Amino acid sequence: MSTEETRTAVATYFDAWRDRDFDRLRTVLADDVDFVGVMGTARGADECIAGLRGMAESVMTDLTLHARVADGDDAITWFDLHTASAPPIPTANWSHVENGLITRIRVTFDPRPLGL
């Protein structure tokens, strides 16, 4: 996997999530994608999409991307998660890509501004 293929898959993931285009987002997720984040876990593409959709519909108002570093199969994206109830929350997302599809996602941020 080239760094550029990884960057493309991860860019599609974030663009589609921000646009709430979950059909497009699904095109870059492996069937067995494994997601672990502060607010929950998901096993498989359907669970992952359900979690991202739930976040987009209940918490997220926007995403502001600041930086992305891609190296081979891995990318780290630094962004602010915007919500209606808190100031923008700095967030880090690590994604692992195989054969053009995201297979693992790890997300971390401080959830205290959300009252969690």
C-alpha atoms as a PDB file:
ATOM      1  CA  MET A   1       0.000   0.000   0.000  1.00  0.00           C
ATOM      2  CA  SER A   2       1.360   3.371  -0.894  1.00  0.00           C
ATOM      3  CA  THR A   3       1.195   6.395   1.347  1.00  0.00           C
ATOM      4  CA  GLU A   4      -0.900   8.170  -1.290  1.00  0.00           C
ATOM      5  CA  GLU A   5      -3.500   5.361  -1.327  1.00  0.00           C
ATOM      6  CA  THR A   6      -3.709   5.566   2.457  1.00  0.00           C
ATOM      7  CA  ARG A   7      -4.071   9.347   2.343  1.00  0.00           C
ATOM      8  CA  THR A   8      -6.859   9.037  -0.263  1.00  0.00           C
ATOM      9  CA  ALA A   9      -8.839   6.458   1.751  1.00  0.00           C
ATOM     10  CA  VAL A  10      -8.580   8.504   4.942  1.00  0.00           C
ATOM     11  CA  ALA A  11      -9.466  11.767   3.171  1.00  0.00           C
ATOM     12  CA  THR A  12     -12.574  10.091   1.739  1.00  0.00           C
ATOM     13  CA  TYR A  13     -13.516   8.847   5.221  1.00  0.00           C
ATOM     14  CA  PHE A  14     -13.359  12.334   6.738  1.00  0.00           C
ATOM     15  CA  ASP A  15     -14.936  14.150   3.785  1.00  0.00           C
ATOM     16  CA  ALA A  16     -17.830  11.689   3.663  1.00  0.00           C
ATOM     17  CA  TRP A  17     -18.339  11.763   7.448  1.00  0.00           C
ATOM     18  CA  ARG A  18     -18.388  15.563   7.518  1.00  0.00           C
ATOM     19  CA  ASP A  19     -20.821  15.574   4.559  1.00  0.00           C
ATOM     20  CA  ARG A  20     -22.914  12.832   6.193  1.00  0.00           C
ATOM     21  CA  ASP A  21     -22.544  10.755   3.037  1.00  0.00           C
ATOM     22  CA  PHE A  22     -22.527   7.339   4.684  1.00  0.00           C
ATOM     23  CA  ASP A  23     -22.802   5.396   1.416  1.00  0.00           C
ATOM     24  CA  ARG A  24     -19.549   7.010   0.254  1.00  0.00           C
ATOM     25  CA  LEU A  25     -17.952   6.503   3.664  1.00  0.00           C
ATOM     26  CA  ARG A  26     -18.789   2.792   3.463  1.00  0.00           C
ATOM     27  CA  THR A  27     -16.725   2.479   0.254  1.00  0.00           C
ATOM     28  CA  VAL A  28     -13.474   2.970   2.189  1.00  0.00           C
ATOM     29  CA  LEU A  29     -14.246   0.666   5.142  1.00  0.00           C
ATOM     30  CA  ALA A  30     -13.220  -2.983   5.177  1.00  0.00           C
ATOM     31  CA  ASP A  31     -16.075  -5.355   6.012  1.00  0.00           C
ATOM     32  CA  ASP A  32     -14.265  -6.304   9.229  1.00  0.00           C
ATOM     33  CA  VAL A  33     -13.113  -2.790  10.236  1.00  0.00           C
ATOM     34  CA  ASP A  34     -12.316  -2.513  13.942  1.00  0.00           C
ATOM     35  CA  PHE A  35     -13.116   0.836  15.627  1.00  0.00           C
ATOM     36  CA  VAL A  36     -12.148   1.811  19.174  1.00  0.00           C
ATOM     37  CA  GLY A  37     -12.861   5.293  20.465  1.00  0.00           C
ATOM     38  CA  VAL A  38     -13.595   7.234  23.611  1.00  0.00           C
ATOM     39  CA  MET A  39     -17.350   6.888  23.172  1.00  0.00           C
ATOM     40  CA  GLY A  40     -17.476   3.257  22.099  1.00  0.00           C
ATOM     41  CA  THR A  41     -16.319   0.427  19.895  1.00  0.00           C
ATOM     42  CA  ALA A  42     -17.583  -1.065  16.656  1.00  0.00           C
ATOM     43  CA  ARG A  43     -16.833  -4.345  14.948  1.00  0.00           C
ATOM     44  CA  GLY A  44     -17.551  -4.472  11.254  1.00  0.00           C
ATOM     45  CA  ALA A  45     -18.541  -1.863   8.717  1.00  0.00           C
ATOM     46  CA  ASP A  46     -22.247  -1.789   9.628  1.00  0.00           C
ATOM     47  CA  GLU A  47     -21.545  -1.091  13.313  1.00  0.00           C
ATOM     48  CA  CYS A  48     -18.904   1.478  12.392  1.00  0.00           C
ATOM     49  CA  ILE A  49     -21.273   3.325  10.057  1.00  0.00           C
ATOM     50  CA  ALA A  50     -24.025   3.220  12.697  1.00  0.00           C
ATOM     51  CA  GLY A  51     -21.673   4.747  15.270  1.00  0.00           C
ATOM     52  CA  LEU A  52     -20.403   7.462  12.938  1.00  0.00           C
ATOM     53  CA  ARG A  53     -23.949   8.247  11.828  1.00  0.00           C
ATOM     54  CA  GLY A  54     -25.075   8.460  15.458  1.00  0.00           C
ATOM     55  CA  MET A  55     -22.201  10.793  16.286  1.00  0.00           C
ATOM     56  CA  ALA A  56     -22.947  12.967  13.246  1.00  0.00           C
ATOM     57  CA  GLU A  57     -26.659  13.166  14.017  1.00  0.00           C
ATOM     58  CA  SER A  58     -26.501  13.654  17.783  1.00  0.00           C
ATOM     59  CA  VAL A  59     -23.222  15.369  18.653  1.00  0.00           C
ATOM     60  CA  MET A  60     -21.169  16.582  15.683  1.00  0.00           C
ATOM     61  CA  THR A  61     -21.915  19.839  13.939  1.00  0.00           C
ATOM     62  CA  ASP A  62     -18.678  20.027  11.920  1.00  0.00           C
ATOM     63  CA  LEU A  63     -15.079  18.861  11.660  1.00  0.00           C
ATOM     64  CA  THR A  64     -12.069  21.116  11.154  1.00  0.00           C
ATOM     65  CA  LEU A  65      -9.066  19.190   9.905  1.00  0.00           C
ATOM     66  CA  HIS A  66      -5.684  20.601  10.901  1.00  0.00           C
ATOM     67  CA  ALA A  67      -3.120  18.011   9.868  1.00  0.00           C
ATOM     68  CA  ARG A  68      -2.761  14.554   8.413  1.00  0.00           C
ATOM     69  CA  VAL A  69       0.393  12.492   8.415  1.00  0.00           C
ATOM     70  CA  ALA A  70       0.417   9.342   6.311  1.00  0.00           C
ATOM     71  CA  ASP A  71       3.206   6.781   6.189  1.00  0.00           C
ATOM     72  CA  GLY A  72       2.657   3.563   4.274  1.00  0.00           C
ATOM     73  CA  ASP A  73      -0.490   1.859   5.601  1.00  0.00           C
ATOM     74  CA  ASP A  74      -1.045   4.271   8.499  1.00  0.00           C
ATOM     75  CA  ALA A  75      -2.418   7.794   8.831  1.00  0.00           C
ATOM     76  CA  ILE A  76      -2.947  10.079  11.786  1.00  0.00           C
ATOM     77  CA  THR A  77      -5.425  12.919  11.412  1.00  0.00           C
ATOM     78  CA  TRP A  78      -5.594  15.802  13.889  1.00  0.00           C
ATOM     79  CA  PHE A  79      -8.920  17.626  13.850  1.00  0.00           C
ATOM     80  CA  ASP A  80     -11.386  19.598  15.936  1.00  0.00           C
ATOM     81  CA  LEU A  81     -14.733  17.954  16.576  1.00  0.00           C
ATOM     82  CA  HIS A  82     -17.383  20.683  16.669  1.00  0.00           C
ATOM     83  CA  THR A  83     -20.523  20.180  18.720  1.00  0.00           C
ATOM     84  CA  ALA A  84     -23.468  22.343  19.703  1.00  0.00           C
ATOM     85  CA  SER A  85     -22.797  21.815  23.404  1.00  0.00           C
ATOM     86  CA  ALA A  86     -19.046  22.444  23.787  1.00  0.00           C
ATOM     87  CA  PRO A  87     -16.134  24.348  22.289  1.00  0.00           C
ATOM     88  CA  PRO A  88     -14.285  22.500  19.493  1.00  0.00           C
ATOM     89  CA  ILE A  89     -12.653  19.343  20.858  1.00  0.00           C
ATOM     90  CA  PRO A  90      -9.112  18.502  19.663  1.00  0.00           C
ATOM     91  CA  THR A  91      -9.149  14.909  18.404  1.00  0.00           C
ATOM     92  CA  ALA A  92      -6.620  12.419  17.053  1.00  0.00           C
ATOM     93  CA  ASN A  93      -7.595   9.592  14.700  1.00  0.00           C
ATOM     94  CA  TRP A  94      -5.248   6.761  13.685  1.00  0.00           C
ATOM     95  CA  SER A  95      -6.355   4.728  10.677  1.00  0.00           C
ATOM     96  CA  HIS A  96      -4.748   1.623   9.209  1.00  0.00           C
ATOM     97  CA  VAL A  97      -5.406   0.889   5.527  1.00  0.00           C
ATOM     98  CA  GLU A  98      -5.009  -2.396   3.664  1.00  0.00           C
ATOM     99  CA  ASN A  99      -5.798  -2.855  -0.027  1.00  0.00           C
ATOM    100  CA  GLY A 100      -7.358   0.612  -0.160  1.00  0.00           C
ATOM    101  CA  LEU A 101      -9.755  -0.026   2.747  1.00  0.00           C
ATOM    102  CA  ILE A 102      -9.593   1.152   6.342  1.00  0.00           C
ATOM    103  CA  THR A 103      -9.255  -1.888   8.607  1.00  0.00           C
ATOM    104  CA  ARG A 104      -8.559  -0.279  12.005  1.00  0.00           C
ATOM    105  CA  ILE A 105      -9.500   3.065  13.533  1.00  0.00           C
ATOM    106  CA  ARG A 106      -8.481   4.399  16.933  1.00  0.00           C
ATOM    107  CA  VAL A 107      -9.774   7.766  18.145  1.00  0.00           C
ATOM    108  CA  THR A 108      -8.877   9.740  21.220  1.00  0.00           C
ATOM    109  CA  PHE A 109     -10.028  13.030  22.711  1.00  0.00           C
ATOM    110  CA  ASP A 110     -10.932  14.507  26.075  1.00  0.00           C
ATOM    111  CA  PRO A 111     -14.679  13.801  26.480  1.00  0.00           C
ATOM    112  CA  ARG A 112     -15.157  16.013  29.561  1.00  0.00           C
ATOM    113  CA  PRO A 113     -16.480  19.008  27.573  1.00  0.00           C
ATOM    114  CA  LEU A 114     -19.324  16.732  26.421  1.00  0.00           C
ATOM    115  CA  GLY A 115     -20.242  15.930  30.006  1.00  0.00           C
ATOM    116  CA  LEU A 116     -19.074  12.305  29.715  1.00  0.00           C
END
